[in-house]
């Protein structure tokens, strides 16, 4: 088992997701999202546009998570 820390940005903070999550070793970002979609009401609605970073790098959903990774979930970036 591994534990990852989660950060939520912008409107996603209002969803009140967990700050930490335990997953099986070898879990991917997609597996993490599946867990969160089942427990955080409203998060799945963001699925098609959700940006995910591990540390300071954006990652694909196939990215394998490591113990103590910090995963950031962000809505699309808007500029102006």
PDB file of N, CA and C in Angstrom:
ATOM      1  N   UNK A   1       0.844  -1.187   0.000  1.00  0.00           N
ATOM      2  CA  UNK A   1       0.000   0.000   0.000  1.00  0.00           C
ATOM      3  C   UNK A   1       0.883   1.243   0.000  1.00  0.00           C
ATOM      4  N   UNK A   2       0.378   2.279  -0.647  1.00  0.00           N
ATOM      5  CA  UNK A   2       1.045   3.574  -0.641  1.00  0.00           C
ATOM      6  C   UNK A   2       0.047   4.631  -0.189  1.00  0.00           C
ATOM      7  N   UNK A   3       0.569   5.730   0.305  1.00  0.00           N
ATOM      8  CA  UNK A   3      -0.266   6.879   0.657  1.00  0.00           C
ATOM      9  C   UNK A   3       0.176   8.056  -0.187  1.00  0.00           C
ATOM     10  N   UNK A   4      -0.792   8.745  -0.790  1.00  0.00           N
ATOM     11  CA  UNK A   4      -0.509   9.960  -1.548  1.00  0.00           C
ATOM     12  C   UNK A   4      -1.273  11.107  -0.909  1.00  0.00           C
ATOM     13  N   UNK A   5      -0.695  12.300  -1.019  1.00  0.00           N
ATOM     14  CA  UNK A   5      -1.363  13.506  -0.531  1.00  0.00           C
ATOM     15  C   UNK A   5      -2.060  14.180  -1.700  1.00  0.00           C
ATOM     16  N   UNK A   6      -3.190  14.795  -1.428  1.00  0.00           N
ATOM     17  CA  UNK A   6      -3.992  15.418  -2.474  1.00  0.00           C
ATOM     18  C   UNK A   6      -4.157  16.908  -2.217  1.00  0.00           C
ATOM     19  N   UNK A   7      -4.089  17.683  -3.308  1.00  0.00           N
ATOM     20  CA  UNK A   7      -4.352  19.110  -3.272  1.00  0.00           C
ATOM     21  C   UNK A   7      -5.409  19.413  -4.323  1.00  0.00           C
ATOM     22  N   UNK A   8      -6.328  20.285  -3.979  1.00  0.00           N
ATOM     23  CA  UNK A   8      -7.413  20.665  -4.884  1.00  0.00           C
ATOM     24  C   UNK A   8      -7.324  22.165  -5.125  1.00  0.00           C
ATOM     25  N   UNK A   9      -7.490  22.573  -6.361  1.00  0.00           N
ATOM     26  CA  UNK A   9      -7.371  23.987  -6.695  1.00  0.00           C
ATOM     27  C   UNK A   9      -8.675  24.543  -7.246  1.00  0.00           C
ATOM     28  N   UNK A  10      -8.834  25.832  -7.071  1.00  0.00           N
ATOM     29  CA  UNK A  10      -9.966  26.591  -7.603  1.00  0.00           C
ATOM     30  C   UNK A  10     -11.292  25.989  -7.122  1.00  0.00           C
ATOM     31  N   UNK A  11     -12.240  25.802  -8.025  1.00  0.00           N
ATOM     32  CA  UNK A  11     -13.569  25.314  -7.654  1.00  0.00           C
ATOM     33  C   UNK A  11     -13.538  23.913  -7.047  1.00  0.00           C
ATOM     34  N   UNK A  12     -12.495  23.147  -7.306  1.00  0.00           N
ATOM     35  CA  UNK A  12     -12.434  21.777  -6.778  1.00  0.00           C
ATOM     36  C   UNK A  12     -12.280  21.753  -5.262  1.00  0.00           C
ATOM     37  N   UNK A  13     -11.771  22.827  -4.677  1.00  0.00           N
ATOM     38  CA  UNK A  13     -11.663  22.884  -3.212  1.00  0.00           C
ATOM     39  C   UNK A  13     -13.028  22.783  -2.548  1.00  0.00           C
ATOM     40  N   UNK A  14     -14.037  23.331  -3.203  1.00  0.00           N
ATOM     41  CA  UNK A  14     -15.389  23.329  -2.637  1.00  0.00           C
ATOM     42  C   UNK A  14     -15.974  21.928  -2.519  1.00  0.00           C
ATOM     43  N   UNK A  15     -15.389  20.951  -3.207  1.00  0.00           N
ATOM     44  CA  UNK A  15     -15.913  19.579  -3.179  1.00  0.00           C
ATOM     45  C   UNK A  15     -15.506  18.826  -1.917  1.00  0.00           C
ATOM     46  N   UNK A  16     -14.571  19.370  -1.174  1.00  0.00           N
ATOM     47  CA  UNK A  16     -14.169  18.809   0.129  1.00  0.00           C
ATOM     48  C   UNK A  16     -13.646  17.374   0.031  1.00  0.00           C
ATOM     49  N   UNK A  17     -12.744  17.122  -0.927  1.00  0.00           N
ATOM     50  CA  UNK A  17     -12.140  15.793  -1.068  1.00  0.00           C
ATOM     51  C   UNK A  17     -11.135  15.518   0.037  1.00  0.00           C
ATOM     52  N   UNK A  18     -10.725  14.257   0.183  1.00  0.00           N
ATOM     53  CA  UNK A  18      -9.769  13.897   1.231  1.00  0.00           C
ATOM     54  C   UNK A  18      -8.393  14.501   0.971  1.00  0.00           C
ATOM     55  N   UNK A  19      -7.624  14.696   2.043  1.00  0.00           N
ATOM     56  CA  UNK A  19      -6.269  15.227   1.929  1.00  0.00           C
ATOM     57  C   UNK A  19      -5.253  14.127   1.658  1.00  0.00           C
ATOM     58  N   UNK A  20      -5.581  12.900   2.016  1.00  0.00           N
ATOM     59  CA  UNK A  20      -4.699  11.750   1.792  1.00  0.00           C
ATOM     60  C   UNK A  20      -5.539  10.575   1.324  1.00  0.00           C
ATOM     61  N   UNK A  21      -4.882   9.671   0.599  1.00  0.00           N
ATOM     62  CA  UNK A  21      -5.574   8.472   0.133  1.00  0.00           C
ATOM     63  C   UNK A  21      -4.581   7.328   0.081  1.00  0.00           C
ATOM     64  N   UNK A  22      -5.010   6.165   0.562  1.00  0.00           N
ATOM     65  CA  UNK A  22      -4.184   4.949   0.484  1.00  0.00           C
ATOM     66  C   UNK A  22      -4.629   4.143  -0.724  1.00  0.00           C
ATOM     67  N   UNK A  23      -3.643   3.686  -1.482  1.00  0.00           N
ATOM     68  CA  UNK A  23      -3.898   2.910  -2.694  1.00  0.00           C
ATOM     69  C   UNK A  23      -2.956   1.716  -2.727  1.00  0.00           C
ATOM     70  N   UNK A  24      -3.284   0.745  -3.562  1.00  0.00           N
ATOM     71  CA  UNK A  24      -2.407  -0.403  -3.747  1.00  0.00           C
ATOM     72  C   UNK A  24      -1.119   0.042  -4.424  1.00  0.00           C
ATOM     73  N   UNK A  25      -0.011  -0.607  -4.097  1.00  0.00           N
ATOM     74  CA  UNK A  25       1.253  -0.320  -4.769  1.00  0.00           C
ATOM     75  C   UNK A  25       1.070  -0.509  -6.265  1.00  0.00           C
ATOM     76  N   UNK A  26       1.672   0.367  -7.052  1.00  0.00           N
ATOM     77  CA  UNK A  26       1.548   0.294  -8.496  1.00  0.00           C
ATOM     78  C   UNK A  26       0.318   0.985  -9.055  1.00  0.00           C
ATOM     79  N   UNK A  27      -0.449   1.649  -8.188  1.00  0.00           N
ATOM     80  CA  UNK A  27      -1.669   2.338  -8.639  1.00  0.00           C
ATOM     81  C   UNK A  27      -1.317   3.498  -9.564  1.00  0.00           C
ATOM     82  N   UNK A  28      -2.184   3.734 -10.520  1.00  0.00           N
ATOM     83  CA  UNK A  28      -2.009   4.833 -11.468  1.00  0.00           C
ATOM     84  C   UNK A  28      -2.879   6.022 -11.061  1.00  0.00           C
ATOM     85  N   UNK A  29      -2.654   7.131 -11.748  1.00  0.00           N
ATOM     86  CA  UNK A  29      -3.494   8.301 -11.540  1.00  0.00           C
ATOM     87  C   UNK A  29      -4.952   7.947 -11.837  1.00  0.00           C
ATOM     88  N   UNK A  30      -5.189   7.142 -12.875  1.00  0.00           N
ATOM     89  CA  UNK A  30      -6.569   6.757 -13.208  1.00  0.00           C
ATOM     90  C   UNK A  30      -7.215   6.000 -12.056  1.00  0.00           C
ATOM     91  N   UNK A  31      -6.470   5.114 -11.413  1.00  0.00           N
ATOM     92  CA  UNK A  31      -7.023   4.376 -10.263  1.00  0.00           C
ATOM     93  C   UNK A  31      -7.351   5.336  -9.122  1.00  0.00           C
ATOM     94  N   UNK A  32      -6.482   6.304  -8.891  1.00  0.00           N
ATOM     95  CA  UNK A  32      -6.735   7.325  -7.882  1.00  0.00           C
ATOM     96  C   UNK A  32      -8.024   8.071  -8.197  1.00  0.00           C
ATOM     97  N   UNK A  33      -8.173   8.493  -9.447  1.00  0.00           N
ATOM     98  CA  UNK A  33      -9.378   9.228  -9.841  1.00  0.00           C
ATOM     99  C   UNK A  33     -10.627   8.376  -9.668  1.00  0.00           C
ATOM    100  N   UNK A  34     -10.558   7.101 -10.009  1.00  0.00           N
ATOM    101  CA  UNK A  34     -11.719   6.217  -9.829  1.00  0.00           C
ATOM    102  C   UNK A  34     -12.134   6.163  -8.367  1.00  0.00           C
ATOM    103  N   UNK A  35     -11.151   6.077  -7.476  1.00  0.00           N
ATOM    104  CA  UNK A  35     -11.446   6.077  -6.038  1.00  0.00           C
ATOM    105  C   UNK A  35     -12.121   7.391  -5.625  1.00  0.00           C
ATOM    106  N   UNK A  36     -11.561   8.497  -6.093  1.00  0.00           N
ATOM    107  CA  UNK A  36     -12.115   9.792  -5.727  1.00  0.00           C
ATOM    108  C   UNK A  36     -13.501  10.006  -6.321  1.00  0.00           C
ATOM    109  N   UNK A  37     -13.723   9.574  -7.554  1.00  0.00           N
ATOM    110  CA  UNK A  37     -15.035   9.743  -8.187  1.00  0.00           C
ATOM    111  C   UNK A  37     -16.122   9.019  -7.393  1.00  0.00           C
ATOM    112  N   UNK A  38     -15.762   7.909  -6.754  1.00  0.00           N
ATOM    113  CA  UNK A  38     -16.730   7.170  -5.954  1.00  0.00           C
ATOM    114  C   UNK A  38     -17.014   7.782  -4.601  1.00  0.00           C
ATOM    115  N   UNK A  39     -16.121   8.667  -4.127  1.00  0.00           N
ATOM    116  CA  UNK A  39     -16.289   9.196  -2.779  1.00  0.00           C
ATOM    117  C   UNK A  39     -16.464  10.716  -2.698  1.00  0.00           C
ATOM    118  N   UNK A  40     -16.124  11.429  -3.757  1.00  0.00           N
ATOM    119  CA  UNK A  40     -16.217  12.892  -3.737  1.00  0.00           C
ATOM    120  C   UNK A  40     -17.311  13.324  -4.708  1.00  0.00           C
ATOM    121  N   UNK A  41     -18.445  13.682  -4.154  1.00  0.00           N
ATOM    122  CA  UNK A  41     -19.592  14.062  -4.979  1.00  0.00           C
ATOM    123  C   UNK A  41     -19.263  15.276  -5.845  1.00  0.00           C
ATOM    124  N   UNK A  42     -19.538  15.158  -7.147  1.00  0.00           N
ATOM    125  CA  UNK A  42     -19.337  16.246  -8.087  1.00  0.00           C
ATOM    126  C   UNK A  42     -18.005  16.241  -8.812  1.00  0.00           C
ATOM    127  N   UNK A  43     -17.041  15.456  -8.345  1.00  0.00           N
ATOM    128  CA  UNK A  43     -15.723  15.456  -8.976  1.00  0.00           C
ATOM    129  C   UNK A  43     -15.749  14.815 -10.362  1.00  0.00           C
ATOM    130  N   UNK A  44     -16.518  13.774 -10.540  1.00  0.00           N
ATOM    131  CA  UNK A  44     -16.544  13.084 -11.830  1.00  0.00           C
ATOM    132  C   UNK A  44     -17.024  14.002 -12.963  1.00  0.00           C
ATOM    133  N   UNK A  45     -17.820  14.993 -12.639  1.00  0.00           N
ATOM    134  CA  UNK A  45     -18.292  15.943 -13.653  1.00  0.00           C
ATOM    135  C   UNK A  45     -17.131  16.690 -14.307  1.00  0.00           C
ATOM    136  N   UNK A  46     -15.991  16.755 -13.652  1.00  0.00           N
ATOM    137  CA  UNK A  46     -14.805  17.434 -14.169  1.00  0.00           C
ATOM    138  C   UNK A  46     -13.907  16.500 -14.989  1.00  0.00           C
ATOM    139  N   UNK A  47     -14.254  15.225 -15.100  1.00  0.00           N
ATOM    140  CA  UNK A  47     -13.369  14.209 -15.669  1.00  0.00           C
ATOM    141  C   UNK A  47     -12.751  14.593 -17.011  1.00  0.00           C
ATOM    142  N   UNK A  48     -13.513  15.099 -17.941  1.00  0.00           N
ATOM    143  CA  UNK A  48     -13.009  15.346 -19.295  1.00  0.00           C
ATOM    144  C   UNK A  48     -12.011  16.498 -19.364  1.00  0.00           C
ATOM    145  N   UNK A  49     -12.001  17.375 -18.374  1.00  0.00           N
ATOM    146  CA  UNK A  49     -11.111  18.535 -18.445  1.00  0.00           C
ATOM    147  C   UNK A  49     -10.174  18.651 -17.247  1.00  0.00           C
ATOM    148  N   UNK A  50     -10.177  17.670 -16.368  1.00  0.00           N
ATOM    149  CA  UNK A  50      -9.382  17.708 -15.149  1.00  0.00           C
ATOM    150  C   UNK A  50      -7.890  17.641 -15.467  1.00  0.00           C
ATOM    151  N   UNK A  51      -7.125  18.554 -14.893  1.00  0.00           N
ATOM    152  CA  UNK A  51      -5.673  18.536 -15.008  1.00  0.00           C
ATOM    153  C   UNK A  51      -5.105  17.914 -13.745  1.00  0.00           C
ATOM    154  N   UNK A  52      -4.098  17.034 -13.927  1.00  0.00           N
ATOM    155  CA  UNK A  52      -3.494  16.339 -12.796  1.00  0.00           C
ATOM    156  C   UNK A  52      -1.984  16.532 -12.846  1.00  0.00           C
ATOM    157  N   UNK A  53      -1.421  16.910 -11.706  1.00  0.00           N
ATOM    158  CA  UNK A  53       0.033  17.040 -11.591  1.00  0.00           C
ATOM    159  C   UNK A  53       0.497  16.193 -10.418  1.00  0.00           C
ATOM    160  N   UNK A  54       1.692  15.644 -10.561  1.00  0.00           N
ATOM    161  CA  UNK A  54       2.366  14.975  -9.450  1.00  0.00           C
ATOM    162  C   UNK A  54       3.633  15.778  -9.204  1.00  0.00           C
ATOM    163  N   UNK A  55       3.745  16.295  -7.994  1.00  0.00           N
ATOM    164  CA  UNK A  55       4.829  17.242  -7.734  1.00  0.00           C
ATOM    165  C   UNK A  55       4.558  18.508  -8.535  1.00  0.00           C
ATOM    166  N   UNK A  56       5.501  18.871  -9.397  1.00  0.00           N
ATOM    167  CA  UNK A  56       5.338  20.074 -10.209  1.00  0.00           C
ATOM    168  C   UNK A  56       5.139  19.775 -11.688  1.00  0.00           C
ATOM    169  N   UNK A  57       4.930  18.499 -12.029  1.00  0.00           N
ATOM    170  CA  UNK A  57       4.791  18.099 -13.436  1.00  0.00           C
ATOM    171  C   UNK A  57       3.384  17.578 -13.720  1.00  0.00           C
ATOM    172  N   UNK A  58       2.793  18.061 -14.819  1.00  0.00           N
ATOM    173  CA  UNK A  58       1.538  17.464 -15.279  1.00  0.00           C
ATOM    174  C   UNK A  58       1.817  16.039 -15.723  1.00  0.00           C
ATOM    175  N   UNK A  59       0.883  15.127 -15.425  1.00  0.00           N
ATOM    176  CA  UNK A  59       1.077  13.715 -15.765  1.00  0.00           C
ATOM    177  C   UNK A  59      -0.157  13.159 -16.462  1.00  0.00           C
ATOM    178  N   UNK A  60       0.065  12.079 -17.193  1.00  0.00           N
ATOM    179  CA  UNK A  60      -1.021  11.343 -17.843  1.00  0.00           C
ATOM    180  C   UNK A  60      -1.695  10.438 -16.817  1.00  0.00           C
ATOM    181  N   UNK A  61      -2.852   9.986 -17.156  1.00  0.00           N
ATOM    182  CA  UNK A  61      -3.599   9.119 -16.235  1.00  0.00           C
ATOM    183  C   UNK A  61      -2.967   7.747 -16.074  1.00  0.00           C
ATOM    184  N   UNK A  62      -2.040   7.395 -16.945  1.00  0.00           N
ATOM    185  CA  UNK A  62      -1.323   6.120 -16.844  1.00  0.00           C
ATOM    186  C   UNK A  62      -0.113   6.207 -15.916  1.00  0.00           C
ATOM    187  N   UNK A  63       0.178   7.397 -15.425  1.00  0.00           N
ATOM    188  CA  UNK A  63       1.331   7.613 -14.550  1.00  0.00           C
ATOM    189  C   UNK A  63       1.194   6.761 -13.289  1.00  0.00           C
ATOM    190  N   UNK A  64       2.262   6.038 -12.932  1.00  0.00           N
ATOM    191  CA  UNK A  64       2.259   5.200 -11.730  1.00  0.00           C
ATOM    192  C   UNK A  64       2.671   6.057 -10.535  1.00  0.00           C
ATOM    193  N   UNK A  65       1.853   6.013  -9.516  1.00  0.00           N
ATOM    194  CA  UNK A  65       2.089   6.805  -8.306  1.00  0.00           C
ATOM    195  C   UNK A  65       3.094   6.119  -7.388  1.00  0.00           C
ATOM    196  N   UNK A  66       3.854   6.940  -6.678  1.00  0.00           N
ATOM    197  CA  UNK A  66       4.854   6.475  -5.722  1.00  0.00           C
ATOM    198  C   UNK A  66       4.429   6.886  -4.316  1.00  0.00           C
ATOM    199  N   UNK A  67       4.956   6.204  -3.281  1.00  0.00           N
ATOM    200  CA  UNK A  67       4.621   6.603  -1.912  1.00  0.00           C
ATOM    201  C   UNK A  67       4.949   8.071  -1.666  1.00  0.00           C
ATOM    202  N   UNK A  68       4.066   8.744  -0.969  1.00  0.00           N
ATOM    203  CA  UNK A  68       4.233  10.145  -0.567  1.00  0.00           C
ATOM    204  C   UNK A  68       4.184  11.142  -1.710  1.00  0.00           C
ATOM    205  N   UNK A  69       3.732  10.734  -2.908  1.00  0.00           N
ATOM    206  CA  UNK A  69       3.530  11.693  -3.989  1.00  0.00           C
ATOM    207  C   UNK A  69       2.497  12.733  -3.558  1.00  0.00           C
ATOM    208  N   UNK A  70       2.659  13.956  -4.063  1.00  0.00           N
ATOM    209  CA  UNK A  70       1.673  15.005  -3.872  1.00  0.00           C
ATOM    210  C   UNK A  70       0.961  15.174  -5.208  1.00  0.00           C
ATOM    211  N   UNK A  71      -0.331  14.869  -5.223  1.00  0.00           N
ATOM    212  CA  UNK A  71      -1.132  14.916  -6.440  1.00  0.00           C
ATOM    213  C   UNK A  71      -2.023  16.147  -6.388  1.00  0.00           C
ATOM    214  N   UNK A  72      -1.913  16.981  -7.416  1.00  0.00           N
ATOM    215  CA  UNK A  72      -2.719  18.199  -7.502  1.00  0.00           C
ATOM    216  C   UNK A  72      -3.788  18.028  -8.564  1.00  0.00           C
ATOM    217  N   UNK A  73      -5.021  18.350  -8.213  1.00  0.00           N
ATOM    218  CA  UNK A  73      -6.148  18.274  -9.142  1.00  0.00           C
ATOM    219  C   UNK A  73      -6.623  19.692  -9.426  1.00  0.00           C
ATOM    220  N   UNK A  74      -6.705  20.017 -10.729  1.00  0.00           N
ATOM    221  CA  UNK A  74      -7.014  21.397 -11.121  1.00  0.00           C
ATOM    222  C   UNK A  74      -8.036  21.415 -12.250  1.00  0.00           C
ATOM    223  N   UNK A  75      -8.933  22.389 -12.217  1.00  0.00           N
ATOM    224  CA  UNK A  75      -9.798  22.599 -13.378  1.00  0.00           C
ATOM    225  C   UNK A  75      -8.955  23.239 -14.485  1.00  0.00           C
ATOM    226  N   UNK A  76      -9.492  23.343 -15.696  1.00  0.00           N
ATOM    227  CA  UNK A  76      -8.723  23.959 -16.773  1.00  0.00           C
ATOM    228  C   UNK A  76      -8.263  25.366 -16.405  1.00  0.00           C
ATOM    229  N   UNK A  77      -7.096  25.710 -16.862  1.00  0.00           N
ATOM    230  CA  UNK A  77      -6.531  27.026 -16.600  1.00  0.00           C
ATOM    231  C   UNK A  77      -7.193  28.044 -17.508  1.00  0.00           C
ATOM    232  N   UNK A  78      -7.596  29.147 -16.920  1.00  0.00           N
ATOM    233  CA  UNK A  78      -8.210  30.217 -17.714  1.00  0.00           C
ATOM    234  C   UNK A  78      -7.332  31.458 -17.586  1.00  0.00           C
ATOM    235  N   UNK A  79      -7.121  32.098 -18.690  1.00  0.00           N
ATOM    236  CA  UNK A  79      -6.297  33.309 -18.673  1.00  0.00           C
ATOM    237  C   UNK A  79      -7.126  34.509 -19.097  1.00  0.00           C
ATOM    238  N   UNK A  80      -6.512  35.642 -19.023  1.00  0.00           N
ATOM    239  CA  UNK A  80      -7.290  36.775 -19.445  1.00  0.00           C
ATOM    240  C   UNK A  80      -6.571  38.055 -19.425  1.00  0.00           C
TER     241      UNK A  80
END
